[in-house]
Amino acid sequence: YKGIWNNSNQVAMKTLTNEEAMKEFIEEAKMVKKLQHPNIVRYFGVFKDQEGKKYYIVTEFMNKGSLLDLLRKN
């Protein structure tokens, strides 16, 4: 998903609803939180929706599309 963080930053939100994969999802969030470099997508945080059913990892929005698509083109 695409959204706005703090009324100013465009962000990408990755979500997961599959309970079985939740542990991997949380581990990914912990790993991304530790990474800080100008060439790595900026991490903003993790949150749950109001019902507590979905978790979201919130990162910087990259306006040129996904890295996978970019790599496949080139």
N, C-alpha and C. Protein backbone atom coordinates (compact mmCIF):
# COMPACT_ATOMS: atom_id res chain seq x y z
N TYR A 1 0.83 -1.18 0.00
CA TYR A 1 0.00 0.00 0.00
C TYR A 1 0.87 1.25 0.00
N LYS A 2 0.30 2.35 -0.43
CA LYS A 2 0.97 3.64 -0.40
C LYS A 2 0.21 4.53 0.56
N GLY A 3 0.93 5.33 1.35
CA GLY A 3 0.27 6.21 2.31
C GLY A 3 1.09 7.43 2.62
N ILE A 4 0.63 8.18 3.62
CA ILE A 4 1.31 9.39 4.08
C ILE A 4 1.64 9.21 5.55
N TRP A 5 2.89 9.51 5.94
CA TRP A 5 3.36 9.38 7.32
C TRP A 5 3.58 10.78 7.88
N ASN A 6 3.01 11.08 9.01
CA ASN A 6 3.14 12.39 9.68
C ASN A 6 2.76 13.55 8.76
N ASN A 7 1.76 13.34 7.95
CA ASN A 7 1.22 14.38 7.05
C ASN A 7 2.22 14.95 6.07
N SER A 8 3.38 14.27 5.86
CA SER A 8 4.35 14.86 4.94
C SER A 8 5.13 13.85 4.10
N ASN A 9 5.39 12.66 4.59
CA ASN A 9 6.22 11.70 3.88
C ASN A 9 5.39 10.64 3.17
N GLN A 10 5.65 10.45 1.87
CA GLN A 10 5.02 9.32 1.17
C GLN A 10 5.70 8.05 1.66
N VAL A 11 4.89 7.05 1.99
CA VAL A 11 5.44 5.81 2.50
C VAL A 11 4.83 4.61 1.78
N ALA A 12 5.56 3.51 1.86
CA ALA A 12 5.06 2.22 1.39
C ALA A 12 4.75 1.41 2.64
N MET A 13 3.63 0.67 2.61
CA MET A 13 3.23 -0.13 3.76
C MET A 13 3.07 -1.58 3.31
N LYS A 14 3.89 -2.43 3.89
CA LYS A 14 3.83 -3.86 3.61
C LYS A 14 2.99 -4.50 4.70
N THR A 15 2.04 -5.34 4.32
CA THR A 15 1.16 -5.95 5.31
C THR A 15 1.14 -7.46 5.19
N LEU A 16 0.66 -8.07 6.24
CA LEU A 16 0.58 -9.52 6.28
C LEU A 16 -0.64 -9.92 7.09
N THR A 17 -1.42 -10.86 6.59
CA THR A 17 -2.58 -11.35 7.33
C THR A 17 -2.43 -12.82 7.68
N ASN A 18 -1.47 -13.50 7.10
CA ASN A 18 -1.24 -14.92 7.34
C ASN A 18 -0.55 -15.11 8.69
N GLU A 19 -1.23 -15.69 9.65
CA GLU A 19 -0.69 -15.87 11.00
C GLU A 19 0.59 -16.71 11.01
N GLU A 20 0.68 -17.69 10.13
CA GLU A 20 1.84 -18.58 10.11
C GLU A 20 3.13 -17.84 9.75
N ALA A 21 3.03 -16.83 8.91
CA ALA A 21 4.22 -16.10 8.46
C ALA A 21 4.51 -14.88 9.35
N MET A 22 3.71 -14.67 10.38
CA MET A 22 3.85 -13.48 11.22
C MET A 22 5.22 -13.40 11.88
N LYS A 23 5.77 -14.51 12.34
CA LYS A 23 7.08 -14.49 13.00
C LYS A 23 8.15 -13.97 12.04
N GLU A 24 8.15 -14.45 10.79
CA GLU A 24 9.11 -13.97 9.80
C GLU A 24 8.92 -12.49 9.51
N PHE A 25 7.67 -12.06 9.46
CA PHE A 25 7.33 -10.66 9.21
C PHE A 25 7.91 -9.77 10.31
N ILE A 26 7.74 -10.17 11.57
CA ILE A 26 8.25 -9.40 12.70
C ILE A 26 9.78 -9.39 12.69
N GLU A 27 10.38 -10.51 12.35
CA GLU A 27 11.85 -10.58 12.27
C GLU A 27 12.37 -9.65 11.18
N GLU A 28 11.67 -9.60 10.05
CA GLU A 28 12.06 -8.67 8.97
C GLU A 28 11.99 -7.24 9.47
N ALA A 29 10.94 -6.90 10.19
CA ALA A 29 10.80 -5.54 10.72
C ALA A 29 11.94 -5.20 11.67
N LYS A 30 12.33 -6.14 12.52
CA LYS A 30 13.44 -5.90 13.45
C LYS A 30 14.74 -5.68 12.71
N MET A 31 14.96 -6.44 11.64
CA MET A 31 16.18 -6.31 10.85
C MET A 31 16.22 -4.96 10.13
N VAL A 32 15.13 -4.60 9.47
CA VAL A 32 15.06 -3.36 8.71
C VAL A 32 15.25 -2.16 9.63
N LYS A 33 14.76 -2.26 10.86
CA LYS A 33 14.89 -1.17 11.83
C LYS A 33 16.35 -0.82 12.10
N LYS A 34 17.23 -1.80 12.05
CA LYS A 34 18.64 -1.60 12.35
C LYS A 34 19.42 -0.99 11.19
N LEU A 35 18.88 -1.05 9.99
CA LEU A 35 19.60 -0.58 8.80
C LEU A 35 19.42 0.91 8.59
N GLN A 36 20.53 1.62 8.47
CA GLN A 36 20.48 3.05 8.17
C GLN A 36 21.62 3.39 7.22
N HIS A 37 21.28 3.69 5.98
CA HIS A 37 22.27 4.02 4.97
C HIS A 37 21.57 4.79 3.86
N PRO A 38 22.24 5.74 3.22
CA PRO A 38 21.60 6.52 2.16
C PRO A 38 21.10 5.67 0.98
N ASN A 39 21.67 4.48 0.78
CA ASN A 39 21.27 3.64 -0.34
C ASN A 39 20.27 2.56 0.05
N ILE A 40 19.74 2.63 1.26
CA ILE A 40 18.76 1.65 1.73
C ILE A 40 17.47 2.39 2.04
N VAL A 41 16.35 1.80 1.70
CA VAL A 41 15.04 2.40 1.96
C VAL A 41 14.91 2.70 3.45
N ARG A 42 14.44 3.89 3.77
CA ARG A 42 14.30 4.32 5.16
C ARG A 42 13.12 3.62 5.83
N TYR A 43 13.34 3.17 7.05
CA TYR A 43 12.33 2.48 7.85
C TYR A 43 11.66 3.50 8.78
N PHE A 44 10.32 3.47 8.84
CA PHE A 44 9.59 4.38 9.73
C PHE A 44 9.02 3.68 10.96
N GLY A 45 8.53 2.46 10.79
CA GLY A 45 7.98 1.77 11.95
C GLY A 45 7.07 0.62 11.57
N VAL A 46 6.48 0.02 12.61
CA VAL A 46 5.51 -1.07 12.46
C VAL A 46 4.28 -0.68 13.26
N PHE A 47 3.11 -0.96 12.72
CA PHE A 47 1.89 -0.72 13.49
C PHE A 47 0.84 -1.77 13.16
N LYS A 48 -0.16 -1.88 14.04
CA LYS A 48 -1.30 -2.78 13.83
C LYS A 48 -2.52 -1.94 13.49
N ASP A 49 -3.41 -2.52 12.69
CA ASP A 49 -4.65 -1.82 12.39
C ASP A 49 -5.54 -1.80 13.65
N GLN A 50 -6.65 -1.09 13.57
CA GLN A 50 -7.52 -0.91 14.74
C GLN A 50 -8.12 -2.22 15.25
N GLU A 51 -8.34 -3.16 14.35
CA GLU A 51 -8.88 -4.46 14.76
C GLU A 51 -7.81 -5.40 15.29
N GLY A 52 -6.54 -5.03 15.10
CA GLY A 52 -5.44 -5.87 15.56
C GLY A 52 -5.22 -7.10 14.70
N LYS A 53 -5.75 -7.09 13.48
CA LYS A 53 -5.64 -8.25 12.60
C LYS A 53 -4.50 -8.15 11.61
N LYS A 54 -4.09 -6.94 11.27
CA LYS A 54 -3.02 -6.74 10.29
C LYS A 54 -1.89 -5.93 10.89
N TYR A 55 -0.68 -6.34 10.58
CA TYR A 55 0.51 -5.57 10.93
C TYR A 55 1.04 -4.93 9.65
N TYR A 56 1.65 -3.77 9.79
CA TYR A 56 2.23 -3.07 8.66
C TYR A 56 3.67 -2.67 8.97
N ILE A 57 4.57 -2.90 8.02
CA ILE A 57 5.91 -2.33 8.08
C ILE A 57 5.85 -1.09 7.20
N VAL A 58 6.24 0.05 7.74
CA VAL A 58 6.16 1.32 7.03
C VAL A 58 7.56 1.77 6.64
N THR A 59 7.79 1.95 5.33
CA THR A 59 9.09 2.36 4.82
C THR A 59 8.93 3.52 3.84
N GLU A 60 10.05 4.11 3.51
CA GLU A 60 10.10 5.16 2.51
C GLU A 60 9.48 4.66 1.20
N PHE A 61 8.72 5.51 0.54
CA PHE A 61 8.13 5.16 -0.75
C PHE A 61 9.12 5.45 -1.86
N MET A 62 9.35 4.48 -2.70
CA MET A 62 10.27 4.63 -3.82
C MET A 62 9.45 4.85 -5.10
N ASN A 63 9.51 6.04 -5.66
CA ASN A 63 8.64 6.41 -6.76
C ASN A 63 8.99 5.77 -8.10
N LYS A 64 10.09 5.04 -8.18
CA LYS A 64 10.45 4.38 -9.44
C LYS A 64 10.00 2.92 -9.47
N GLY A 65 9.23 2.51 -8.49
CA GLY A 65 8.71 1.15 -8.48
C GLY A 65 9.56 0.21 -7.64
N SER A 66 9.27 -1.06 -7.76
CA SER A 66 9.97 -2.05 -6.94
C SER A 66 11.38 -2.30 -7.46
N LEU A 67 12.26 -2.64 -6.55
CA LEU A 67 13.64 -2.96 -6.91
C LEU A 67 13.68 -4.18 -7.82
N LEU A 68 12.84 -5.16 -7.54
CA LEU A 68 12.82 -6.36 -8.37
C LEU A 68 12.48 -6.02 -9.82
N ASP A 69 11.47 -5.18 -10.04
CA ASP A 69 11.12 -4.79 -11.41
C ASP A 69 12.26 -4.01 -12.07
N LEU A 70 12.90 -3.13 -11.32
CA LEU A 70 14.01 -2.35 -11.86
C LEU A 70 15.16 -3.26 -12.28
N LEU A 71 15.48 -4.25 -11.45
CA LEU A 71 16.56 -5.17 -11.76
C LEU A 71 16.24 -6.03 -12.98
N ARG A 72 15.00 -6.42 -13.09
CA ARG A 72 14.59 -7.26 -14.24
C ARG A 72 14.67 -6.48 -15.55
N LYS A 73 14.40 -5.20 -15.53
CA LYS A 73 14.46 -4.36 -16.73
C LYS A 73 15.89 -4.16 -17.20
N ASN A 74 16.81 -4.07 -16.26
CA ASN A 74 18.20 -3.77 -16.59
C ASN A 74 19.05 -5.01 -16.53
